[in-house]
Amino acid sequence: MLKVKYIKEHIAEVKNGLRKRNWDEDGLKIVDEVLELDSRRKNIQQEKDQLLSEIKSLSKQIGGLMKTGETSAVDKIKAAIPEIKGRIKALEEEGGKVFTKLEDLLLSIPNVPHELVPEGKTEEDNFLYQAWEKPMPTLPEGALPHWELAEKYNLFDFKLGVKLTGSGFPVYRGKGARLERALINFFLDQATKAGYEEIWAPLMVNADSARATGQLPDKEGQMYHICKDDLYMIPTAEVPITNIYRDVILRESDFPIKMTGYTPCFRREAGSYGAHVKGLNRVHQFDKVEIVQLQHPDHSWAALDEMVDHVKSVLEKLELPYRIVRLCGGDLGFTSAMTYDFEVFSAAQEKWLEVSSVSNFLTFQSNRLKLRYKDKEGKIHLAHTLNGSALALARIVASLLENNQTADGIVIPEKLRPFTGFDIIN
């Protein structure tokens, strides 16, 4: 969430950032409305403070007059006090409404994109930051897409998932289940070796946690909501892991804080139909290992580069063709100032599949989280937050199966074999 002070000091920058996100001029009026509400809020508080000061002064006068026995003057002053208190109560009620409306508006404004974020409306306008320049996998004649490979080798079952739960909930079995578990352990090992503390987090969060990292109100319709308990199934481990430090004041010496965690992730993905989401390309439940960093503002951009390098190294160990794109304004997530997406090539489908987003949120999340740090002079500042997928398994599995199929079976990448316990699926 942007601070009112920041908006006030950077009006043109905020509006230009919203334009980069393809907001029209009518939408930009929200910025002026925020400033007007904040001005009204301050005026209400100022008037309330003046009236409270007036009551305090009148009380002192009453005390002095009582000592001198001037009861008629005391009665006159006392008669004026209820009217002042009534005005204070009215101001408090109005102030509460203004504050709520201001807060709602601030929650609806996305982060300001970094200047390097390209203009654009859809993923087609994203900037190709790093292309894949090595040869693509050579597949045998009659190569199959991953959903047919899964059926051939009994790796996962969508029909059984429909029976148990519904569409988009695959059931992994046999070597498919072992491959899934192996990838989770491999990703966690890579993250912990890179200095990330492993966290085992809850799969449900309360509304405060979802709001703090920006899922509410922006993605409310995309999350599974347990109405009776008012809890949300997590769309990513970023939500519970980052919220560990909600309402916390750190020391400068605490930075960097690096955390990783594996969780299943749950997304409704309403309206997702068609061949482009077939198989594991888009599901409602999938496994993912997340990396999160809390950083000093001076070092968050370097941390973003470090996280991008980490994801690159994992993909290279899996021997998967990948490319990196910098998201344009129209494709940028609500909370992000800049995001790099990693896409792996799925050879049998002949398409690129997104498997990771690595983002810097600057102070946008930490302002909601009230995640701060105290500098050497004792001043309080907002920290920076970052997160990245390292990695999302469903599409990694799809690409691994398709790219490594041979006439004899599906060959497991060498670095993964100690985790699977087998070299080939046949």
Protein backbone atom coordinates (compact mmCIF):
# COMPACT_ATOMS: atom_id res chain seq x y z
CA MET A 1 0.00 0.00 0.00
CA LEU A 2 1.31 3.43 -0.91
CA LYS A 3 1.63 5.94 1.92
CA VAL A 4 -0.36 9.17 1.59
CA LYS A 5 2.86 11.10 2.22
CA TYR A 6 4.50 9.34 -0.73
CA ILE A 7 1.51 10.04 -3.00
CA LYS A 8 1.49 13.70 -1.96
CA GLU A 9 5.21 14.10 -2.68
CA HIS A 10 5.15 12.11 -5.95
CA ILE A 11 1.76 12.91 -7.53
CA ALA A 12 3.04 12.92 -11.13
CA GLU A 13 5.10 9.74 -10.60
CA VAL A 14 2.13 7.89 -9.09
CA LYS A 15 -0.22 8.94 -11.89
CA ASN A 16 2.32 8.05 -14.57
CA GLY A 17 2.83 4.68 -12.89
CA LEU A 18 -0.93 4.02 -12.99
CA ARG A 19 -0.99 5.06 -16.65
CA LYS A 20 1.75 2.48 -17.28
CA ARG A 21 -0.66 -0.03 -15.71
CA ASN A 22 -3.22 1.18 -18.30
CA TRP A 23 -5.43 3.15 -15.92
CA ASP A 24 -7.56 5.73 -17.76
CA GLU A 25 -7.93 9.35 -16.73
CA ASP A 26 -11.16 8.65 -14.83
CA GLY A 27 -9.33 6.02 -12.79
CA LEU A 28 -6.55 8.47 -11.98
CA LYS A 29 -9.05 10.67 -10.14
CA ILE A 30 -8.61 8.28 -7.22
CA VAL A 31 -5.25 9.94 -6.52
CA ASP A 32 -6.90 13.37 -6.14
CA GLU A 33 -9.67 11.83 -4.04
CA VAL A 34 -7.08 10.30 -1.69
CA LEU A 35 -5.43 13.71 -1.22
CA GLU A 36 -8.78 15.42 -0.64
CA LEU A 37 -9.81 12.82 1.97
CA ASP A 38 -6.46 13.11 3.72
CA SER A 39 -6.84 16.90 3.84
CA ARG A 40 -10.36 16.52 5.25
CA ARG A 41 -9.08 13.98 7.81
CA LYS A 42 -6.44 16.44 8.99
CA ASN A 43 -8.94 19.31 9.20
CA ILE A 44 -11.30 17.16 11.27
CA GLN A 45 -8.49 16.21 13.62
CA GLN A 46 -7.37 19.83 13.92
CA GLU A 47 -10.89 21.02 14.76
CA LYS A 48 -11.34 18.18 17.24
CA ASP A 49 -8.03 19.04 18.95
CA GLN A 50 -9.07 22.69 19.20
CA LEU A 51 -12.40 21.77 20.80
CA LEU A 52 -10.73 19.40 23.26
CA SER A 53 -8.33 22.20 24.16
CA GLU A 54 -11.29 24.53 24.62
CA ILE A 55 -12.99 22.08 27.02
CA LYS A 56 -9.76 21.79 28.96
CA SER A 57 -9.54 25.58 29.20
CA LEU A 58 -13.17 25.87 30.28
CA SER A 59 -12.62 23.25 32.99
CA LYS A 60 -9.76 25.31 34.38
CA GLN A 61 -11.97 28.39 34.35
CA ILE A 62 -14.67 26.51 36.26
CA GLY A 63 -12.13 25.50 38.89
CA GLY A 64 -11.01 29.10 39.34
CA LEU A 65 -14.55 30.48 39.50
CA MET A 66 -15.61 27.84 42.04
CA LYS A 67 -12.86 29.05 44.36
CA THR A 68 -14.16 32.63 44.16
CA GLY A 69 -17.81 31.60 44.52
CA GLU A 70 -18.93 32.94 41.13
CA THR A 71 -21.55 30.21 40.65
CA SER A 72 -23.59 32.04 38.00
CA ALA A 73 -20.54 32.25 35.71
CA VAL A 74 -19.82 28.55 36.38
CA ASP A 75 -23.35 27.59 35.35
CA LYS A 76 -23.01 29.60 32.13
CA ILE A 77 -19.75 27.85 31.19
CA LYS A 78 -21.15 24.41 32.08
CA ALA A 79 -24.13 25.05 29.81
CA ALA A 80 -21.79 25.56 26.84
CA ILE A 81 -19.83 22.33 27.32
CA PRO A 82 -22.47 19.80 26.09
CA GLU A 83 -22.67 21.57 22.73
CA ILE A 84 -18.90 21.38 22.33
CA LYS A 85 -18.90 17.69 23.30
CA GLY A 86 -21.66 17.05 20.78
CA ARG A 87 -19.56 18.66 18.06
CA ILE A 88 -16.57 16.51 19.08
CA LYS A 89 -18.68 13.36 18.83
CA ALA A 90 -19.92 14.39 15.37
CA LEU A 91 -16.34 15.02 14.26
CA GLU A 92 -15.25 11.61 15.55
CA GLU A 93 -18.02 9.91 13.58
CA GLU A 94 -17.20 11.85 10.43
CA GLY A 95 -13.48 11.22 10.94
CA GLY A 96 -14.09 7.49 11.22
CA LYS A 97 -15.98 7.45 7.93
CA VAL A 98 -13.31 9.53 6.20
CA PHE A 99 -10.54 7.25 7.52
CA THR A 100 -12.36 4.10 6.36
CA LYS A 101 -12.96 5.51 2.88
CA LEU A 102 -9.35 6.71 2.65
CA GLU A 103 -8.06 3.29 3.72
CA ASP A 104 -10.29 1.53 1.16
CA LEU A 105 -9.02 3.78 -1.62
CA LEU A 106 -5.39 3.27 -0.64
CA LEU A 107 -5.91 -0.52 -0.63
CA SER A 108 -7.21 -0.31 -4.21
CA ILE A 109 -4.16 1.49 -5.64
CA PRO A 110 -1.41 -0.82 -6.97
CA ASN A 111 2.31 -0.33 -6.57
CA VAL A 112 4.13 2.18 -8.77
CA PRO A 113 6.10 0.33 -11.50
CA HIS A 114 9.86 0.83 -11.68
CA GLU A 115 11.04 2.99 -14.59
CA LEU A 116 12.48 -0.13 -16.28
CA VAL A 117 9.05 -1.77 -16.44
CA PRO A 118 8.07 -1.58 -20.12
CA GLU A 119 4.85 -0.11 -21.45
CA GLY A 120 2.28 -2.66 -22.56
CA LYS A 121 -1.11 -4.22 -21.95
CA THR A 122 -0.67 -8.00 -22.12
CA GLU A 123 2.01 -10.68 -21.77
CA GLU A 124 2.77 -10.17 -25.46
CA ASP A 125 4.24 -6.80 -24.57
CA ASN A 126 6.67 -8.19 -21.99
CA PHE A 127 10.37 -7.51 -22.55
CA LEU A 128 12.55 -10.52 -23.37
CA TYR A 129 15.29 -10.01 -20.79
CA GLN A 130 17.23 -13.21 -21.49
CA ALA A 131 16.64 -15.57 -24.39
CA TRP A 132 17.51 -19.27 -24.60
CA GLU A 133 20.39 -19.58 -27.06
CA LYS A 134 21.28 -23.27 -26.72
CA PRO A 135 19.76 -26.09 -28.81
CA MET A 136 16.24 -27.19 -27.94
CA PRO A 137 15.53 -30.81 -26.91
CA THR A 138 15.28 -33.30 -29.74
CA LEU A 139 12.26 -35.53 -29.25
CA PRO A 140 11.69 -39.02 -30.65
CA GLU A 141 9.15 -39.63 -33.38
CA GLY A 142 5.63 -39.73 -31.96
CA ALA A 143 6.54 -37.66 -28.89
CA LEU A 144 3.64 -37.18 -26.50
CA PRO A 145 2.40 -34.23 -24.39
CA HIS A 146 2.79 -34.69 -20.64
CA TRP A 147 -0.85 -35.64 -20.00
CA GLU A 148 -0.50 -38.58 -22.39
CA LEU A 149 2.87 -39.52 -20.90
CA ALA A 150 1.22 -39.50 -17.46
CA GLU A 151 -1.42 -41.93 -18.68
CA LYS A 152 1.16 -44.14 -20.40
CA TYR A 153 3.38 -44.43 -17.31
CA ASN A 154 0.64 -44.04 -14.66
CA LEU A 155 2.18 -40.89 -13.15
CA PHE A 156 -0.85 -38.78 -12.31
CA ASP A 157 -4.57 -39.03 -12.81
CA PHE A 158 -6.93 -36.16 -13.56
CA LYS A 159 -10.07 -38.29 -13.75
CA LEU A 160 -9.42 -39.60 -10.27
CA GLY A 161 -8.91 -36.01 -9.09
CA VAL A 162 -12.33 -35.10 -10.49
CA LYS A 163 -13.85 -38.02 -8.60
CA LEU A 164 -12.21 -37.03 -5.30
CA THR A 165 -12.47 -33.26 -5.52
CA GLY A 166 -13.14 -31.70 -8.92
CA SER A 167 -11.49 -30.49 -12.09
CA GLY A 168 -7.95 -29.17 -11.67
CA PHE A 169 -6.91 -31.39 -8.74
CA PRO A 170 -4.51 -34.07 -10.09
CA VAL A 171 -3.69 -37.21 -8.12
CA TYR A 172 0.00 -38.16 -8.38
CA ARG A 173 0.91 -41.80 -7.96
CA GLY A 174 3.85 -44.18 -8.22
CA LYS A 175 6.89 -42.63 -9.84
CA GLY A 176 4.85 -39.49 -10.52
CA ALA A 177 4.40 -38.97 -6.77
CA ARG A 178 8.06 -39.75 -6.13
CA LEU A 179 9.12 -37.27 -8.84
CA GLU A 180 6.95 -34.58 -7.21
CA ARG A 181 8.47 -35.26 -3.77
CA ALA A 182 11.98 -35.36 -5.25
CA LEU A 183 11.55 -31.95 -6.88
CA ILE A 184 10.25 -30.43 -3.63
CA ASN A 185 13.27 -31.73 -1.70
CA PHE A 186 15.67 -30.69 -4.46
CA PHE A 187 14.29 -27.14 -4.54
CA LEU A 188 14.38 -26.83 -0.76
CA ASP A 189 17.95 -28.11 -0.64
CA GLN A 190 19.02 -25.57 -3.26
CA ALA A 191 17.36 -22.75 -1.30
CA THR A 192 18.80 -23.72 2.09
CA LYS A 193 22.29 -24.02 0.56
CA ALA A 194 21.81 -20.45 -0.69
CA GLY A 195 21.23 -19.26 2.87
CA TYR A 196 17.43 -19.35 3.12
CA GLU A 197 15.89 -20.51 6.40
CA GLU A 198 13.34 -23.26 5.82
CA ILE A 199 9.83 -22.49 7.08
CA TRP A 200 6.95 -24.96 7.36
CA ALA A 201 3.94 -22.65 7.20
CA PRO A 202 0.15 -23.01 7.62
CA LEU A 203 -1.90 -23.58 4.46
CA MET A 204 -4.65 -21.23 5.63
CA VAL A 205 -4.35 -17.58 6.65
CA ASN A 206 -6.66 -15.02 8.17
CA ALA A 207 -7.86 -11.92 6.35
CA ASP A 208 -5.24 -9.70 8.03
CA SER A 209 -2.44 -11.83 6.58
CA ALA A 210 -4.00 -11.92 3.11
CA ARG A 211 -4.50 -8.15 3.20
CA ALA A 212 -0.97 -7.48 4.41
CA THR A 213 0.70 -9.10 1.40
CA GLY A 214 -1.79 -7.67 -1.10
CA GLN A 215 -4.03 -10.66 -1.87
CA LEU A 216 -6.99 -8.77 -0.40
CA PRO A 217 -8.87 -7.02 -1.78
CA ASP A 218 -7.12 -7.46 -5.16
CA LYS A 219 -7.35 -11.26 -5.55
CA GLU A 220 -10.31 -12.08 -3.32
CA GLY A 221 -12.18 -13.90 -6.09
CA GLN A 222 -9.15 -16.07 -6.91
CA MET A 223 -8.73 -17.51 -3.41
CA TYR A 224 -10.64 -20.33 -1.76
CA HIS A 225 -12.47 -18.85 1.23
CA ILE A 226 -13.59 -20.91 4.23
CA CYS A 227 -16.56 -18.77 5.19
CA LYS A 228 -17.39 -20.27 8.60
CA ASP A 229 -13.92 -19.57 9.98
CA ASP A 230 -13.13 -16.60 7.68
CA LEU A 231 -9.87 -18.21 6.56
CA TYR A 232 -8.28 -18.31 3.12
CA MET A 233 -6.41 -21.20 1.47
CA ILE A 234 -3.03 -19.77 0.52
CA PRO A 235 -2.33 -18.99 -3.16
CA THR A 236 1.40 -19.05 -2.41
CA ALA A 237 3.73 -19.60 0.57
CA GLU A 238 4.69 -15.93 0.24
CA VAL A 239 1.58 -15.02 2.26
CA PRO A 240 2.21 -16.88 5.56
CA ILE A 241 6.02 -16.62 5.35
CA THR A 242 6.11 -12.84 4.82
CA ASN A 243 3.47 -12.35 7.53
CA ILE A 244 5.81 -13.89 10.11
CA TYR A 245 7.25 -10.38 10.34
CA ARG A 246 3.97 -8.46 10.38
CA ASP A 247 4.01 -5.74 13.10
CA VAL A 248 7.72 -6.31 13.73
CA ILE A 249 10.46 -3.70 14.11
CA LEU A 250 13.86 -5.03 12.99
CA ARG A 251 17.39 -3.77 13.49
CA GLU A 252 19.59 -2.89 10.53
CA SER A 253 21.87 -5.74 11.57
CA ASP A 254 18.99 -8.22 11.04
CA PHE A 255 19.15 -7.79 7.25
CA PRO A 256 19.01 -9.72 5.05
CA ILE A 257 16.28 -12.07 6.27
CA LYS A 258 15.99 -14.97 3.80
CA MET A 259 13.27 -17.60 4.12
CA THR A 260 12.06 -20.50 2.00
CA GLY A 261 9.13 -22.83 2.29
CA TYR A 262 7.27 -25.57 0.48
CA THR A 263 3.48 -25.52 0.42
CA PRO A 264 0.66 -26.71 -1.77
CA CYS A 265 -0.92 -23.63 -3.39
CA PHE A 266 -4.61 -23.15 -4.08
CA ARG A 267 -6.05 -20.93 -6.81
CA ARG A 268 -9.57 -20.93 -8.15
CA GLU A 269 -8.40 -19.82 -11.64
CA ALA A 270 -12.02 -19.00 -12.52
CA GLY A 271 -12.72 -18.88 -16.23
CA SER A 272 -9.62 -20.90 -17.23
CA TYR A 273 -10.67 -23.26 -20.00
CA GLY A 274 -9.33 -24.52 -23.33
CA ALA A 275 -6.34 -26.36 -24.77
CA HIS A 276 -3.84 -23.81 -23.41
CA VAL A 277 -4.63 -24.93 -19.85
CA LYS A 278 -4.72 -28.66 -20.53
CA GLY A 279 -2.96 -31.14 -18.24
CA LEU A 280 -0.69 -29.51 -15.66
CA ASN A 281 -0.55 -26.18 -17.50
CA ARG A 282 -3.08 -24.72 -15.07
CA VAL A 283 -4.52 -26.45 -12.03
CA HIS A 284 -6.32 -25.42 -8.84
CA GLN A 285 -3.83 -27.10 -6.49
CA PHE A 286 -0.11 -27.30 -7.15
CA ASP A 287 3.13 -27.61 -5.16
CA LYS A 288 5.64 -24.79 -4.98
CA VAL A 289 8.81 -23.84 -3.15
CA GLU A 290 8.97 -20.11 -2.45
CA ILE A 291 11.90 -17.86 -1.54
CA VAL A 292 11.31 -14.63 0.39
CA GLN A 293 13.69 -11.85 1.36
CA LEU A 294 13.27 -8.92 3.75
CA GLN A 295 15.84 -6.33 2.85
CA HIS A 296 17.29 -2.96 3.73
CA PRO A 297 16.05 -0.47 1.09
CA ASP A 298 19.63 0.15 -0.08
CA HIS A 299 20.07 -3.48 -1.08
CA SER A 300 16.73 -4.71 -2.44
CA TRP A 301 17.57 -4.31 -6.12
CA ALA A 302 20.80 -6.27 -5.66
CA ALA A 303 18.74 -8.89 -3.79
CA LEU A 304 16.35 -9.11 -6.75
CA ASP A 305 19.29 -9.87 -9.05
CA GLU A 306 20.53 -12.48 -6.58
CA MET A 307 17.13 -14.19 -6.51
CA VAL A 308 16.96 -14.21 -10.32
CA ASP A 309 20.41 -15.85 -10.40
CA HIS A 310 19.23 -18.45 -7.89
CA VAL A 311 16.25 -19.48 -10.02
CA LYS A 312 18.50 -19.60 -13.10
CA SER A 313 20.90 -21.94 -11.34
CA VAL A 314 18.10 -24.35 -10.34
CA LEU A 315 16.73 -24.50 -13.88
CA GLU A 316 20.19 -25.09 -15.29
CA LYS A 317 20.71 -28.02 -12.92
CA LEU A 318 17.44 -29.47 -14.18
CA GLU A 319 18.75 -29.03 -17.74
CA LEU A 320 15.58 -27.24 -18.80
CA PRO A 321 15.52 -24.63 -21.59
CA TYR A 322 14.34 -21.34 -20.08
CA ARG A 323 13.97 -17.70 -20.87
CA ILE A 324 13.41 -14.63 -18.67
CA VAL A 325 10.96 -11.82 -19.38
CA ARG A 326 10.49 -8.52 -17.58
CA LEU A 327 6.77 -7.95 -17.17
CA CYS A 328 5.17 -4.91 -18.78
CA GLY A 329 2.91 -2.53 -16.88
CA GLY A 330 -0.29 -4.26 -17.95
CA ASP A 331 0.93 -7.72 -16.90
CA LEU A 332 2.58 -6.62 -13.65
CA GLY A 333 1.15 -7.95 -10.39
CA PHE A 334 -0.77 -5.55 -8.13
CA THR A 335 1.89 -5.41 -5.40
CA SER A 336 5.04 -5.51 -7.55
CA ALA A 337 7.32 -2.67 -8.60
CA MET A 338 9.17 -4.99 -10.99
CA THR A 339 8.84 -8.68 -11.85
CA TYR A 340 10.91 -11.15 -13.82
CA ASP A 341 9.07 -14.23 -15.08
CA PHE A 342 10.88 -17.46 -15.89
CA GLU A 343 9.43 -19.64 -18.62
CA VAL A 344 10.53 -23.16 -19.51
CA PHE A 345 10.06 -24.68 -22.94
CA SER A 346 7.64 -27.58 -23.12
CA ALA A 347 8.92 -29.39 -26.19
CA ALA A 348 5.97 -31.66 -27.04
CA GLN A 349 3.53 -28.75 -26.72
CA GLU A 350 6.00 -26.39 -28.42
CA LYS A 351 5.19 -23.60 -25.97
CA TRP A 352 6.75 -21.64 -23.12
CA LEU A 353 5.31 -22.22 -19.64
CA GLU A 354 5.71 -19.77 -16.77
CA VAL A 355 7.31 -21.49 -13.76
CA SER A 356 8.53 -18.60 -11.62
CA SER A 357 7.91 -14.94 -10.85
CA VAL A 358 10.60 -13.03 -8.97
CA SER A 359 9.48 -9.62 -7.69
CA ASN A 360 10.57 -6.59 -5.69
CA PHE A 361 7.70 -4.97 -3.80
CA LEU A 362 9.79 -2.16 -2.25
CA THR A 363 7.75 -0.79 0.71
CA PHE A 364 4.33 -1.66 -0.74
CA GLN A 365 3.84 -4.82 1.33
CA SER A 366 5.80 -3.63 4.35
CA ASN A 367 3.53 -0.59 4.73
CA ARG A 368 0.55 -2.95 5.03
CA LEU A 369 2.54 -5.35 7.18
CA LYS A 370 3.88 -2.54 9.40
CA LEU A 371 7.25 -4.23 8.88
CA ARG A 372 9.85 -1.68 9.91
CA TYR A 373 13.43 -1.35 11.03
CA LYS A 374 15.30 1.03 13.30
CA ASP A 375 18.44 2.66 11.93
CA LYS A 376 21.57 3.52 13.93
CA GLU A 377 20.13 6.91 14.86
CA GLY A 378 16.97 5.27 16.17
CA LYS A 379 14.73 6.41 13.32
CA ILE A 380 12.05 4.02 12.06
CA HIS A 381 11.77 3.12 8.35
CA LEU A 382 9.85 0.63 6.24
CA ALA A 383 11.75 -2.45 5.07
CA HIS A 384 11.65 -3.83 1.52
CA THR A 385 10.13 -7.23 0.69
CA LEU A 386 10.85 -9.56 -2.24
CA ASN A 387 9.71 -13.02 -3.23
CA GLY A 388 10.16 -15.59 -5.96
CA SER A 389 9.02 -19.04 -7.02
CA ALA A 390 11.89 -21.50 -6.80
CA LEU A 391 10.02 -23.28 -8.28
CA ALA A 392 6.37 -24.05 -9.15
CA LEU A 393 6.21 -27.78 -9.73
CA ALA A 394 3.22 -28.48 -11.96
CA ARG A 395 4.68 -26.91 -15.09
CA ILE A 396 8.21 -28.03 -14.20
CA VAL A 397 6.90 -31.61 -14.18
CA ALA A 398 5.15 -31.02 -17.51
CA SER A 399 8.35 -29.75 -19.10
CA LEU A 400 10.57 -32.43 -17.53
CA LEU A 401 8.36 -35.23 -18.80
CA GLU A 402 8.03 -33.86 -22.32
CA ASN A 403 11.63 -32.72 -22.83
CA ASN A 404 13.23 -35.91 -21.49
CA GLN A 405 11.11 -38.54 -23.21
CA THR A 406 12.99 -41.13 -25.26
CA ALA A 407 12.10 -44.36 -27.01
CA ASP A 408 13.08 -46.18 -23.77
CA GLY A 409 11.26 -43.94 -21.30
CA ILE A 410 11.60 -40.58 -19.53
CA VAL A 411 15.18 -39.86 -18.46
CA ILE A 412 15.62 -38.09 -15.09
CA PRO A 413 18.13 -35.18 -15.05
CA GLU A 414 21.40 -36.21 -13.38
CA LYS A 415 21.21 -33.69 -10.51
CA LEU A 416 17.73 -34.93 -9.60
CA ARG A 417 18.51 -38.66 -9.49
CA PRO A 418 19.76 -38.72 -5.88
CA PHE A 419 16.32 -37.38 -4.90
CA THR A 420 14.16 -39.64 -7.09
CA GLY A 421 16.07 -42.86 -6.47
CA PHE A 422 15.64 -43.83 -10.13
CA ASP A 423 17.22 -42.74 -13.42
CA ILE A 424 14.35 -43.37 -15.80
CA ILE A 425 10.58 -43.71 -15.86
CA ASN A 426 9.58 -46.66 -18.05
